[in-house]
Amino acid sequence: MGFFDFKKHGHWYDDLAVVSQLGLTMAGSILLCFTVGYFLDKWLGTKGLFIVIFIILGIVGGGVTVYRQIMDVLKPEKKDDSNSESP
């Protein structure tokens, strides 16, 4: 016996992993797009134009990616029936 019964409460770690992945995906996409916008503004001499554009793109892109990840988690698992009961 340990401190925590993983067989009984292991699903909490799975849920925590999914939530962490979603947060890091969103933050990472926004940070990446912010960085690209910052360096484009610096290179072209614009004052915040590309930062705003790329942050919006990062939010939209991160949102789409997070949505796809959530749909992958929520979709029911399809059983592979091709291997069972082969003629």
PDB file of N, CA and C in Angstrom:
ATOM      1  N   MET A   1       0.833  -1.185   0.000  1.00  0.00           N
ATOM      2  CA  MET A   1       0.000   0.000   0.000  1.00  0.00           C
ATOM      3  C   MET A   1       0.873   1.242   0.000  1.00  0.00           C
ATOM      4  N   GLY A   2       0.457   2.187  -0.752  1.00  0.00           N
ATOM      5  CA  GLY A   2       1.197   3.434  -0.807  1.00  0.00           C
ATOM      6  C   GLY A   2       0.340   4.579  -0.313  1.00  0.00           C
ATOM      7  N   PHE A   3       0.870   5.725  -0.525  1.00  0.00           N
ATOM      8  CA  PHE A   3       0.169   6.940  -0.120  1.00  0.00           C
ATOM      9  C   PHE A   3      -1.089   7.155  -0.943  1.00  0.00           C
ATOM     10  N   PHE A   4      -1.027   6.789  -2.206  1.00  0.00           N
ATOM     11  CA  PHE A   4      -2.134   7.043  -3.124  1.00  0.00           C
ATOM     12  C   PHE A   4      -2.429   5.773  -3.905  1.00  0.00           C
ATOM     13  N   ASP A   5      -3.669   5.387  -3.976  1.00  0.00           N
ATOM     14  CA  ASP A   5      -4.063   4.186  -4.704  1.00  0.00           C
ATOM     15  C   ASP A   5      -4.287   4.548  -6.173  1.00  0.00           C
ATOM     16  N   PHE A   6      -3.290   4.230  -7.019  1.00  0.00           N
ATOM     17  CA  PHE A   6      -3.353   4.611  -8.418  1.00  0.00           C
ATOM     18  C   PHE A   6      -4.424   3.849  -9.188  1.00  0.00           C
ATOM     19  N   LYS A   7      -4.696   2.630  -8.777  1.00  0.00           N
ATOM     20  CA  LYS A   7      -5.722   1.856  -9.474  1.00  0.00           C
ATOM     21  C   LYS A   7      -7.100   2.457  -9.268  1.00  0.00           C
ATOM     22  N   LYS A   8      -7.308   3.032  -8.101  1.00  0.00           N
ATOM     23  CA  LYS A   8      -8.619   3.590  -7.772  1.00  0.00           C
ATOM     24  C   LYS A   8      -8.762   5.026  -8.257  1.00  0.00           C
ATOM     25  N   HIS A   9      -7.701   5.830  -8.140  1.00  0.00           N
ATOM     26  CA  HIS A   9      -7.779   7.252  -8.455  1.00  0.00           C
ATOM     27  C   HIS A   9      -6.854   7.668  -9.598  1.00  0.00           C
ATOM     28  N   GLY A  10      -6.426   6.745 -10.410  1.00  0.00           N
ATOM     29  CA  GLY A  10      -5.479   7.051 -11.482  1.00  0.00           C
ATOM     30  C   GLY A  10      -6.039   7.969 -12.548  1.00  0.00           C
ATOM     31  N   HIS A  11      -7.347   7.991 -12.715  1.00  0.00           N
ATOM     32  CA  HIS A  11      -7.955   8.847 -13.728  1.00  0.00           C
ATOM     33  C   HIS A  11      -7.714  10.327 -13.440  1.00  0.00           C
ATOM     34  N   TRP A  12      -7.458  10.679 -12.186  1.00  0.00           N
ATOM     35  CA  TRP A  12      -7.163  12.074 -11.851  1.00  0.00           C
ATOM     36  C   TRP A  12      -5.876  12.529 -12.522  1.00  0.00           C
ATOM     37  N   TYR A  13      -4.893  11.648 -12.578  1.00  0.00           N
ATOM     38  CA  TYR A  13      -3.633  12.006 -13.234  1.00  0.00           C
ATOM     39  C   TYR A  13      -3.811  12.140 -14.737  1.00  0.00           C
ATOM     40  N   ASP A  14      -4.645  11.306 -15.318  1.00  0.00           N
ATOM     41  CA  ASP A  14      -4.931  11.429 -16.744  1.00  0.00           C
ATOM     42  C   ASP A  14      -5.613  12.760 -17.039  1.00  0.00           C
ATOM     43  N   ASP A  15      -6.583  13.132 -16.224  1.00  0.00           N
ATOM     44  CA  ASP A  15      -7.282  14.399 -16.410  1.00  0.00           C
ATOM     45  C   ASP A  15      -6.351  15.587 -16.210  1.00  0.00           C
ATOM     46  N   LEU A  16      -5.495  15.504 -15.211  1.00  0.00           N
ATOM     47  CA  LEU A  16      -4.534  16.569 -14.951  1.00  0.00           C
ATOM     48  C   LEU A  16      -3.552  16.714 -16.111  1.00  0.00           C
ATOM     49  N   ALA A  17      -3.149  15.606 -16.691  1.00  0.00           N
ATOM     50  CA  ALA A  17      -2.240  15.645 -17.833  1.00  0.00           C
ATOM     51  C   ALA A  17      -2.896  16.317 -19.038  1.00  0.00           C
ATOM     52  N   VAL A  18      -4.161  16.021 -19.281  1.00  0.00           N
ATOM     53  CA  VAL A  18      -4.873  16.629 -20.415  1.00  0.00           C
ATOM     54  C   VAL A  18      -5.029  18.133 -20.202  1.00  0.00           C
ATOM     55  N   VAL A  19      -5.419  18.548 -19.007  1.00  0.00           N
ATOM     56  CA  VAL A  19      -5.595  19.973 -18.722  1.00  0.00           C
ATOM     57  C   VAL A  19      -4.254  20.707 -18.843  1.00  0.00           C
ATOM     58  N   SER A  20      -3.195  20.101 -18.355  1.00  0.00           N
ATOM     59  CA  SER A  20      -1.871  20.715 -18.466  1.00  0.00           C
ATOM     60  C   SER A  20      -1.460  20.858 -19.921  1.00  0.00           C
ATOM     61  N   GLN A  21      -1.720  19.835 -20.705  1.00  0.00           N
ATOM     62  CA  GLN A  21      -1.371  19.873 -22.119  1.00  0.00           C
ATOM     63  C   GLN A  21      -2.147  20.973 -22.844  1.00  0.00           C
ATOM     64  N   LEU A  22      -3.405  21.127 -22.511  1.00  0.00           N
ATOM     65  CA  LEU A  22      -4.213  22.161 -23.162  1.00  0.00           C
ATOM     66  C   LEU A  22      -3.692  23.556 -22.824  1.00  0.00           C
ATOM     67  N   GLY A  23      -3.375  23.776 -21.558  1.00  0.00           N
ATOM     68  CA  GLY A  23      -2.854  25.076 -21.145  1.00  0.00           C
ATOM     69  C   GLY A  23      -1.515  25.394 -21.776  1.00  0.00           C
ATOM     70  N   LEU A  24      -0.627  24.407 -21.808  1.00  0.00           N
ATOM     71  CA  LEU A  24       0.683  24.629 -22.411  1.00  0.00           C
ATOM     72  C   LEU A  24       0.584  24.828 -23.923  1.00  0.00           C
ATOM     73  N   THR A  25      -0.335  24.148 -24.561  1.00  0.00           N
ATOM     74  CA  THR A  25      -0.535  24.326 -25.999  1.00  0.00           C
ATOM     75  C   THR A  25      -0.981  25.749 -26.301  1.00  0.00           C
ATOM     76  N   MET A  26      -1.948  26.232 -25.546  1.00  0.00           N
ATOM     77  CA  MET A  26      -2.463  27.587 -25.764  1.00  0.00           C
ATOM     78  C   MET A  26      -1.390  28.631 -25.474  1.00  0.00           C
ATOM     79  N   ALA A  27      -0.727  28.503 -24.335  1.00  0.00           N
ATOM     80  CA  ALA A  27       0.306  29.474 -23.965  1.00  0.00           C
ATOM     81  C   ALA A  27       1.475  29.431 -24.945  1.00  0.00           C
ATOM     82  N   GLY A  28       1.852  28.248 -25.370  1.00  0.00           N
ATOM     83  CA  GLY A  28       2.964  28.116 -26.311  1.00  0.00           C
ATOM     84  C   GLY A  28       2.678  28.738 -27.658  1.00  0.00           C
ATOM     85  N   SER A  29       1.476  28.554 -28.160  1.00  0.00           N
ATOM     86  CA  SER A  29       1.151  29.130 -29.469  1.00  0.00           C
ATOM     87  C   SER A  29       1.092  30.656 -29.402  1.00  0.00           C
ATOM     88  N   ILE A  30       0.557  31.195 -28.314  1.00  0.00           N
ATOM     89  CA  ILE A  30       0.506  32.650 -28.162  1.00  0.00           C
ATOM     90  C   ILE A  30       1.915  33.213 -28.006  1.00  0.00           C
ATOM     91  N   LEU A  31       2.744  32.561 -27.209  1.00  0.00           N
ATOM     92  CA  LEU A  31       4.114  33.035 -27.001  1.00  0.00           C
ATOM     93  C   LEU A  31       4.928  32.967 -28.291  1.00  0.00           C
ATOM     94  N   LEU A  32       4.783  31.894 -29.037  1.00  0.00           N
ATOM     95  CA  LEU A  32       5.495  31.775 -30.309  1.00  0.00           C
ATOM     96  C   LEU A  32       5.077  32.875 -31.280  1.00  0.00           C
ATOM     97  N   CYS A  33       3.791  33.108 -31.393  1.00  0.00           N
ATOM     98  CA  CYS A  33       3.305  34.142 -32.306  1.00  0.00           C
ATOM     99  C   CYS A  33       3.692  35.541 -31.828  1.00  0.00           C
ATOM    100  N   PHE A  34       3.692  35.761 -30.520  1.00  0.00           N
ATOM    101  CA  PHE A  34       4.161  37.040 -29.990  1.00  0.00           C
ATOM    102  C   PHE A  34       5.617  37.280 -30.369  1.00  0.00           C
ATOM    103  N   THR A  35       6.442  36.251 -30.243  1.00  0.00           N
ATOM    104  CA  THR A  35       7.856  36.379 -30.565  1.00  0.00           C
ATOM    105  C   THR A  35       8.064  36.696 -32.049  1.00  0.00           C
ATOM    106  N   VAL A  36       7.335  36.017 -32.916  1.00  0.00           N
ATOM    107  CA  VAL A  36       7.435  36.286 -34.349  1.00  0.00           C
ATOM    108  C   VAL A  36       6.998  37.719 -34.641  1.00  0.00           C
ATOM    109  N   GLY A  37       5.890  38.144 -34.054  1.00  0.00           N
ATOM    110  CA  GLY A  37       5.411  39.510 -34.260  1.00  0.00           C
ATOM    111  C   GLY A  37       6.384  40.546 -33.738  1.00  0.00           C
ATOM    112  N   TYR A  38       6.984  40.273 -32.601  1.00  0.00           N
ATOM    113  CA  TYR A  38       7.963  41.205 -32.019  1.00  0.00           C
ATOM    114  C   TYR A  38       9.157  41.397 -32.952  1.00  0.00           C
ATOM    115  N   PHE A  39       9.719  40.295 -33.432  1.00  0.00           N
ATOM    116  CA  PHE A  39      10.884  40.411 -34.299  1.00  0.00           C
ATOM    117  C   PHE A  39      10.542  41.002 -35.663  1.00  0.00           C
ATOM    118  N   LEU A  40       9.340  40.746 -36.173  1.00  0.00           N
ATOM    119  CA  LEU A  40       8.920  41.398 -37.415  1.00  0.00           C
ATOM    120  C   LEU A  40       8.763  42.901 -37.213  1.00  0.00           C
ATOM    121  N   ASP A  41       8.184  43.304 -36.099  1.00  0.00           N
ATOM    122  CA  ASP A  41       8.062  44.734 -35.796  1.00  0.00           C
ATOM    123  C   ASP A  41       9.437  45.380 -35.660  1.00  0.00           C
ATOM    124  N   LYS A  42      10.335  44.703 -35.011  1.00  0.00           N
ATOM    125  CA  LYS A  42      11.683  45.233 -34.829  1.00  0.00           C
ATOM    126  C   LYS A  42      12.414  45.344 -36.168  1.00  0.00           C
ATOM    127  N   TRP A  43      12.269  44.330 -37.016  1.00  0.00           N
ATOM    128  CA  TRP A  43      12.958  44.294 -38.298  1.00  0.00           C
ATOM    129  C   TRP A  43      12.395  45.330 -39.276  1.00  0.00           C
ATOM    130  N   LEU A  44      11.060  45.474 -39.294  1.00  0.00           N
ATOM    131  CA  LEU A  44      10.420  46.374 -40.258  1.00  0.00           C
ATOM    132  C   LEU A  44      10.200  47.776 -39.709  1.00  0.00           C
ATOM    133  N   GLY A  45      10.439  47.975 -38.425  1.00  0.00           N
ATOM    134  CA  GLY A  45      10.288  49.299 -37.834  1.00  0.00           C
ATOM    135  C   GLY A  45       8.858  49.701 -37.541  1.00  0.00           C
ATOM    136  N   THR A  46       7.948  48.777 -37.561  1.00  0.00           N
ATOM    137  CA  THR A  46       6.563  49.089 -37.204  1.00  0.00           C
ATOM    138  C   THR A  46       6.437  49.059 -35.688  1.00  0.00           C
ATOM    139  N   LYS A  47       5.423  49.692 -35.190  1.00  0.00           N
ATOM    140  CA  LYS A  47       5.282  49.838 -33.738  1.00  0.00           C
ATOM    141  C   LYS A  47       4.089  49.034 -33.233  1.00  0.00           C
ATOM    142  N   GLY A  48       4.268  47.743 -33.113  1.00  0.00           N
ATOM    143  CA  GLY A  48       3.243  46.903 -32.514  1.00  0.00           C
ATOM    144  C   GLY A  48       2.223  46.316 -33.468  1.00  0.00           C
ATOM    145  N   LEU A  49       2.299  46.644 -34.727  1.00  0.00           N
ATOM    146  CA  LEU A  49       1.318  46.144 -35.691  1.00  0.00           C
ATOM    147  C   LEU A  49       1.373  44.621 -35.803  1.00  0.00           C
ATOM    148  N   PHE A  50       2.560  44.090 -36.020  1.00  0.00           N
ATOM    149  CA  PHE A  50       2.689  42.653 -36.201  1.00  0.00           C
ATOM    150  C   PHE A  50       2.523  41.887 -34.893  1.00  0.00           C
ATOM    151  N   ILE A  51       2.845  42.523 -33.781  1.00  0.00           N
ATOM    152  CA  ILE A  51       2.605  41.861 -32.489  1.00  0.00           C
ATOM    153  C   ILE A  51       1.107  41.606 -32.310  1.00  0.00           C
ATOM    154  N   VAL A  52       0.299  42.608 -32.596  1.00  0.00           N
ATOM    155  CA  VAL A  52      -1.157  42.457 -32.452  1.00  0.00           C
ATOM    156  C   VAL A  52      -1.685  41.407 -33.413  1.00  0.00           C
ATOM    157  N   ILE A  53      -1.243  41.481 -34.675  1.00  0.00           N
ATOM    158  CA  ILE A  53      -1.717  40.525 -35.686  1.00  0.00           C
ATOM    159  C   ILE A  53      -1.341  39.101 -35.288  1.00  0.00           C
ATOM    160  N   PHE A  54      -0.092  38.912 -34.891  1.00  0.00           N
ATOM    161  CA  PHE A  54       0.355  37.556 -34.585  1.00  0.00           C
ATOM    162  C   PHE A  54      -0.190  37.040 -33.256  1.00  0.00           C
ATOM    163  N   ILE A  55      -0.464  37.906 -32.297  1.00  0.00           N
ATOM    164  CA  ILE A  55      -1.109  37.440 -31.066  1.00  0.00           C
ATOM    165  C   ILE A  55      -2.524  36.952 -31.371  1.00  0.00           C
ATOM    166  N   ILE A  56      -3.228  37.668 -32.218  1.00  0.00           N
ATOM    167  CA  ILE A  56      -4.567  37.218 -32.617  1.00  0.00           C
ATOM    168  C   ILE A  56      -4.482  35.878 -33.338  1.00  0.00           C
ATOM    169  N   LEU A  57      -3.500  35.748 -34.241  1.00  0.00           N
ATOM    170  CA  LEU A  57      -3.308  34.468 -34.926  1.00  0.00           C
ATOM    171  C   LEU A  57      -2.947  33.351 -33.942  1.00  0.00           C
ATOM    172  N   GLY A  58      -2.146  33.669 -32.931  1.00  0.00           N
ATOM    173  CA  GLY A  58      -1.781  32.685 -31.920  1.00  0.00           C
ATOM    174  C   GLY A  58      -2.973  32.237 -31.099  1.00  0.00           C
ATOM    175  N   ILE A  59      -3.845  33.179 -30.750  1.00  0.00           N
ATOM    176  CA  ILE A  59      -5.052  32.829 -29.988  1.00  0.00           C
ATOM    177  C   ILE A  59      -5.967  31.930 -30.820  1.00  0.00           C
ATOM    178  N   VAL A  60      -6.166  32.303 -32.084  1.00  0.00           N
ATOM    179  CA  VAL A  60      -7.038  31.500 -32.952  1.00  0.00           C
ATOM    180  C   VAL A  60      -6.421  30.124 -33.209  1.00  0.00           C
ATOM    181  N   GLY A  61      -5.133  30.095 -33.545  1.00  0.00           N
ATOM    182  CA  GLY A  61      -4.471  28.817 -33.810  1.00  0.00           C
ATOM    183  C   GLY A  61      -4.423  27.927 -32.580  1.00  0.00           C
ATOM    184  N   GLY A  62      -4.127  28.514 -31.429  1.00  0.00           N
ATOM    185  CA  GLY A  62      -4.117  27.740 -30.191  1.00  0.00           C
ATOM    186  C   GLY A  62      -5.497  27.226 -29.844  1.00  0.00           C
ATOM    187  N   GLY A  63      -6.505  28.051 -30.068  1.00  0.00           N
ATOM    188  CA  GLY A  63      -7.881  27.624 -29.801  1.00  0.00           C
ATOM    189  C   GLY A  63      -8.308  26.463 -30.678  1.00  0.00           C
ATOM    190  N   VAL A  64      -7.930  26.510 -31.945  1.00  0.00           N
ATOM    191  CA  VAL A  64      -8.266  25.414 -32.858  1.00  0.00           C
ATOM    192  C   VAL A  64      -7.543  24.129 -32.432  1.00  0.00           C
ATOM    193  N   THR A  65      -6.286  24.253 -32.069  1.00  0.00           N
ATOM    194  CA  THR A  65      -5.522  23.088 -31.634  1.00  0.00           C
ATOM    195  C   THR A  65      -6.088  22.502 -30.343  1.00  0.00           C
ATOM    196  N   VAL A  66      -6.423  23.353 -29.394  1.00  0.00           N
ATOM    197  CA  VAL A  66      -7.011  22.891 -28.135  1.00  0.00           C
ATOM    198  C   VAL A  66      -8.355  22.217 -28.395  1.00  0.00           C
ATOM    199  N   TYR A  67      -9.158  22.786 -29.285  1.00  0.00           N
ATOM    200  CA  TYR A  67     -10.444  22.181 -29.635  1.00  0.00           C
ATOM    201  C   TYR A  67     -10.244  20.778 -30.211  1.00  0.00           C
ATOM    202  N   ARG A  68      -9.262  20.631 -31.106  1.00  0.00           N
ATOM    203  CA  ARG A  68      -8.992  19.316 -31.693  1.00  0.00           C
ATOM    204  C   ARG A  68      -8.532  18.320 -30.632  1.00  0.00           C
ATOM    205  N   GLN A  69      -7.707  18.787 -29.701  1.00  0.00           N
ATOM    206  CA  GLN A  69      -7.245  17.903 -28.632  1.00  0.00           C
ATOM    207  C   GLN A  69      -8.401  17.464 -27.741  1.00  0.00           C
ATOM    208  N   ILE A  70      -9.307  18.376 -27.434  1.00  0.00           N
ATOM    209  CA  ILE A  70     -10.469  18.027 -26.612  1.00  0.00           C
ATOM    210  C   ILE A  70     -11.361  17.035 -27.346  1.00  0.00           C
ATOM    211  N   MET A  71     -11.563  17.232 -28.640  1.00  0.00           N
ATOM    212  CA  MET A  71     -12.393  16.306 -29.405  1.00  0.00           C
ATOM    213  C   MET A  71     -11.747  14.921 -29.478  1.00  0.00           C
ATOM    214  N   ASP A  72     -10.422  14.849 -29.549  1.00  0.00           N
ATOM    215  CA  ASP A  72      -9.748  13.550 -29.541  1.00  0.00           C
ATOM    216  C   ASP A  72      -9.940  12.833 -28.212  1.00  0.00           C
ATOM    217  N   VAL A  73      -9.948  13.588 -27.122  1.00  0.00           N
ATOM    218  CA  VAL A  73     -10.137  12.977 -25.808  1.00  0.00           C
ATOM    219  C   VAL A  73     -11.581  12.517 -25.628  1.00  0.00           C
ATOM    220  N   LEU A  74     -12.530  13.281 -26.136  1.00  0.00           N
ATOM    221  CA  LEU A  74     -13.942  12.979 -25.909  1.00  0.00           C
ATOM    222  C   LEU A  74     -14.531  11.955 -26.862  1.00  0.00           C
ATOM    223  N   LYS A  75     -13.894  11.734 -28.017  1.00  0.00           N
ATOM    224  CA  LYS A  75     -14.491  10.795 -28.965  1.00  0.00           C
ATOM    225  C   LYS A  75     -14.392   9.375 -28.427  1.00  0.00           C
ATOM    226  N   PRO A  76     -15.431   8.597 -28.670  1.00  0.00           N
ATOM    227  CA  PRO A  76     -15.406   7.217 -28.183  1.00  0.00           C
ATOM    228  C   PRO A  76     -14.364   6.401 -28.938  1.00  0.00           C
ATOM    229  N   GLU A  77     -13.739   5.497 -28.214  1.00  0.00           N
ATOM    230  CA  GLU A  77     -12.708   4.670 -28.828  1.00  0.00           C
ATOM    231  C   GLU A  77     -13.364   3.657 -29.761  1.00  0.00           C
ATOM    232  N   LYS A  78     -12.843   3.576 -30.973  1.00  0.00           N
ATOM    233  CA  LYS A  78     -13.360   2.589 -31.925  1.00  0.00           C
ATOM    234  C   LYS A  78     -12.598   1.287 -31.714  1.00  0.00           C
ATOM    235  N   LYS A  79     -13.358   0.231 -31.607  1.00  0.00           N
ATOM    236  CA  LYS A  79     -12.733  -1.077 -31.431  1.00  0.00           C
ATOM    237  C   LYS A  79     -12.277  -1.578 -32.787  1.00  0.00           C
ATOM    238  N   ASP A  80     -11.105  -2.165 -32.787  1.00  0.00           N
ATOM    239  CA  ASP A  80     -10.567  -2.733 -34.018  1.00  0.00           C
ATOM    240  C   ASP A  80     -11.147  -4.125 -34.208  1.00  0.00           C
ATOM    241  N   ASP A  81     -12.181  -4.231 -35.024  1.00  0.00           N
ATOM    242  CA  ASP A  81     -12.862  -5.508 -35.229  1.00  0.00           C
ATOM    243  C   ASP A  81     -12.225  -6.331 -36.341  1.00  0.00           C
ATOM    244  N   SER A  82     -11.210  -5.789 -37.009  1.00  0.00           N
ATOM    245  CA  SER A  82     -10.597  -6.524 -38.120  1.00  0.00           C
ATOM    246  C   SER A  82      -9.818  -7.737 -37.639  1.00  0.00           C
ATOM    247  N   ASN A  83      -9.266  -7.700 -36.420  1.00  0.00           N
ATOM    248  CA  ASN A  83      -8.493  -8.818 -35.907  1.00  0.00           C
ATOM    249  C   ASN A  83      -9.338  -9.866 -35.207  1.00  0.00           C
ATOM    250  N   SER A  84     -10.524  -9.491 -34.787  1.00  0.00           N
ATOM    251  CA  SER A  84     -11.363 -10.438 -34.062  1.00  0.00           C
ATOM    252  C   SER A  84     -12.212 -11.249 -35.037  1.00  0.00           C
ATOM    253  N   GLU A  85     -12.318 -12.521 -34.751  1.00  0.00           N
ATOM    254  CA  GLU A  85     -13.133 -13.464 -35.522  1.00  0.00           C
ATOM    255  C   GLU A  85     -12.787 -13.434 -36.995  1.00  0.00           C
ATOM    256  N   SER A  86     -11.547 -13.702 -37.306  1.00  0.00           N
ATOM    257  CA  SER A  86     -11.129 -13.790 -38.718  1.00  0.00           C
ATOM    258  C   SER A  86     -11.665 -15.055 -39.320  1.00  0.00           C
ATOM    259  N   PRO A  87     -12.206 -14.986 -40.568  1.00  0.00           N
ATOM    260  CA  PRO A  87     -12.757 -16.191 -41.202  1.00  0.00           C
ATOM    261  C   PRO A  87     -11.692 -17.141 -41.662  1.00  0.00           C
TER     262      PRO A  87
END
